[in-house]
């Protein structure tokens, strides 16, 4: 029975690691940071013609910075409040009796 208990414990540890790895905050935050960097670079390198089209508002720069801020918010949230995987309660076997 000890070998089975060890195997179950190993699977629970792997499951907890996978749950933390695929936390939705990590995925959303990472994507927003990556896309924010790309859009911010597009905003920094915008030409005068591009700015004229947008009525002299560098929309790529402002959108990229907002995306970076949102992505960093999700990653900081993940860092401050990590997901806690609830521990599985051990199953108790029913007692045999005259009930």
Protein backbone atom coordinates (compact mmCIF):
# COMPACT_ATOMS: atom_id res chain seq x y z
CA UNK A 1 0.00 0.00 0.00
CA UNK A 2 2.98 2.29 0.60
CA UNK A 3 3.99 2.18 -3.08
CA UNK A 4 0.47 3.17 -4.14
CA UNK A 5 0.43 6.04 -1.64
CA UNK A 6 3.78 7.29 -2.97
CA UNK A 7 2.51 7.10 -6.55
CA UNK A 8 -0.64 9.07 -5.68
CA UNK A 9 1.42 11.69 -3.83
CA UNK A 10 3.68 12.10 -6.87
CA UNK A 11 0.67 12.56 -9.15
CA UNK A 12 -0.84 15.15 -6.80
CA UNK A 13 2.42 17.11 -6.78
CA UNK A 14 2.60 17.04 -10.59
CA UNK A 15 -1.03 18.14 -10.80
CA UNK A 16 -0.43 21.07 -8.45
CA UNK A 17 2.59 22.13 -10.49
CA UNK A 18 0.60 21.96 -13.73
CA UNK A 19 -2.24 23.95 -12.18
CA UNK A 20 0.16 26.72 -11.13
CA UNK A 21 1.91 26.64 -14.51
CA UNK A 22 -1.30 27.08 -16.48
CA UNK A 23 -2.87 29.70 -14.23
CA UNK A 24 -4.93 31.95 -16.52
CA UNK A 25 -3.39 35.08 -14.99
CA UNK A 26 0.05 33.97 -16.17
CA UNK A 27 -1.18 33.36 -19.71
CA UNK A 28 -3.15 36.62 -20.00
CA UNK A 29 -0.41 38.67 -18.35
CA UNK A 30 2.30 37.18 -20.54
CA UNK A 31 0.36 37.76 -23.75
CA UNK A 32 -0.49 41.34 -22.84
CA UNK A 33 3.16 42.08 -21.98
CA UNK A 34 4.43 40.59 -25.26
CA UNK A 35 1.81 42.34 -27.41
CA UNK A 36 2.27 45.53 -25.40
CA UNK A 37 5.98 45.55 -26.17
CA UNK A 38 5.30 45.02 -29.88
CA UNK A 39 2.65 47.77 -30.07
CA UNK A 40 4.78 50.16 -27.98
CA UNK A 41 7.71 49.69 -30.37
CA UNK A 42 5.34 50.34 -33.28
CA UNK A 43 4.25 53.53 -31.51
CA UNK A 44 7.79 54.70 -30.84
CA UNK A 45 8.79 54.16 -34.47
CA UNK A 46 5.64 55.76 -35.94
CA UNK A 47 6.22 58.09 -38.85
CA UNK A 48 4.79 61.57 -39.26
CA UNK A 49 2.37 60.24 -41.88
CA UNK A 50 1.04 57.68 -39.41
CA UNK A 51 0.54 60.36 -36.78
CA UNK A 52 -1.24 62.60 -39.32
CA UNK A 53 -3.73 59.78 -40.01
CA UNK A 54 -4.54 59.55 -36.30
CA UNK A 55 -4.88 63.33 -35.84
CA UNK A 56 -1.48 63.60 -34.13
CA UNK A 57 -2.34 61.08 -31.44
CA UNK A 58 0.16 58.26 -31.16
CA UNK A 59 -2.47 55.59 -30.58
CA UNK A 60 0.01 52.71 -30.89
CA UNK A 61 2.19 54.15 -28.16
CA UNK A 62 -0.71 54.74 -25.76
CA UNK A 63 -2.33 51.39 -26.49
CA UNK A 64 1.00 49.57 -26.10
CA UNK A 65 1.67 51.23 -22.75
CA UNK A 66 -1.85 50.36 -21.57
CA UNK A 67 -1.35 46.74 -22.64
CA UNK A 68 1.98 46.63 -20.81
CA UNK A 69 0.36 48.03 -17.66
CA UNK A 70 -2.47 45.49 -17.81
CA UNK A 71 -0.08 42.59 -18.43
CA UNK A 72 2.15 43.66 -15.55
CA UNK A 73 -0.95 44.00 -13.34
CA UNK A 74 -1.87 40.36 -14.01
CA UNK A 75 1.69 39.15 -13.37
CA UNK A 76 2.00 41.14 -10.13
CA UNK A 77 -1.39 39.80 -9.05
CA UNK A 78 -0.14 36.28 -9.71
CA UNK A 79 3.03 36.98 -7.72
CA UNK A 80 1.21 38.53 -4.75
CA UNK A 81 -1.64 36.00 -4.59
CA UNK A 82 -0.41 32.67 -5.99
CA UNK A 83 -2.96 29.98 -6.64
CA UNK A 84 -3.22 27.46 -3.83
CA UNK A 85 -4.25 24.01 -4.94
CA UNK A 86 -6.55 22.50 -2.33
CA UNK A 87 -5.21 19.35 -0.79
CA UNK A 88 -7.24 16.26 -1.46
CA UNK A 89 -8.90 14.84 1.60
CA UNK A 90 -7.88 11.27 2.30
CA UNK A 91 -10.63 8.84 1.61
CA UNK A 92 -11.87 6.97 4.64
CA UNK A 93 -13.04 3.49 4.21
CA UNK A 94 -16.51 2.77 5.55
CA UNK A 95 -16.58 0.83 8.76
CA UNK A 96 -18.25 -2.50 8.68
CA UNK A 97 -20.86 -2.85 11.33
CA UNK A 98 -24.46 -3.58 12.08
CA UNK A 99 -25.97 -0.30 11.03
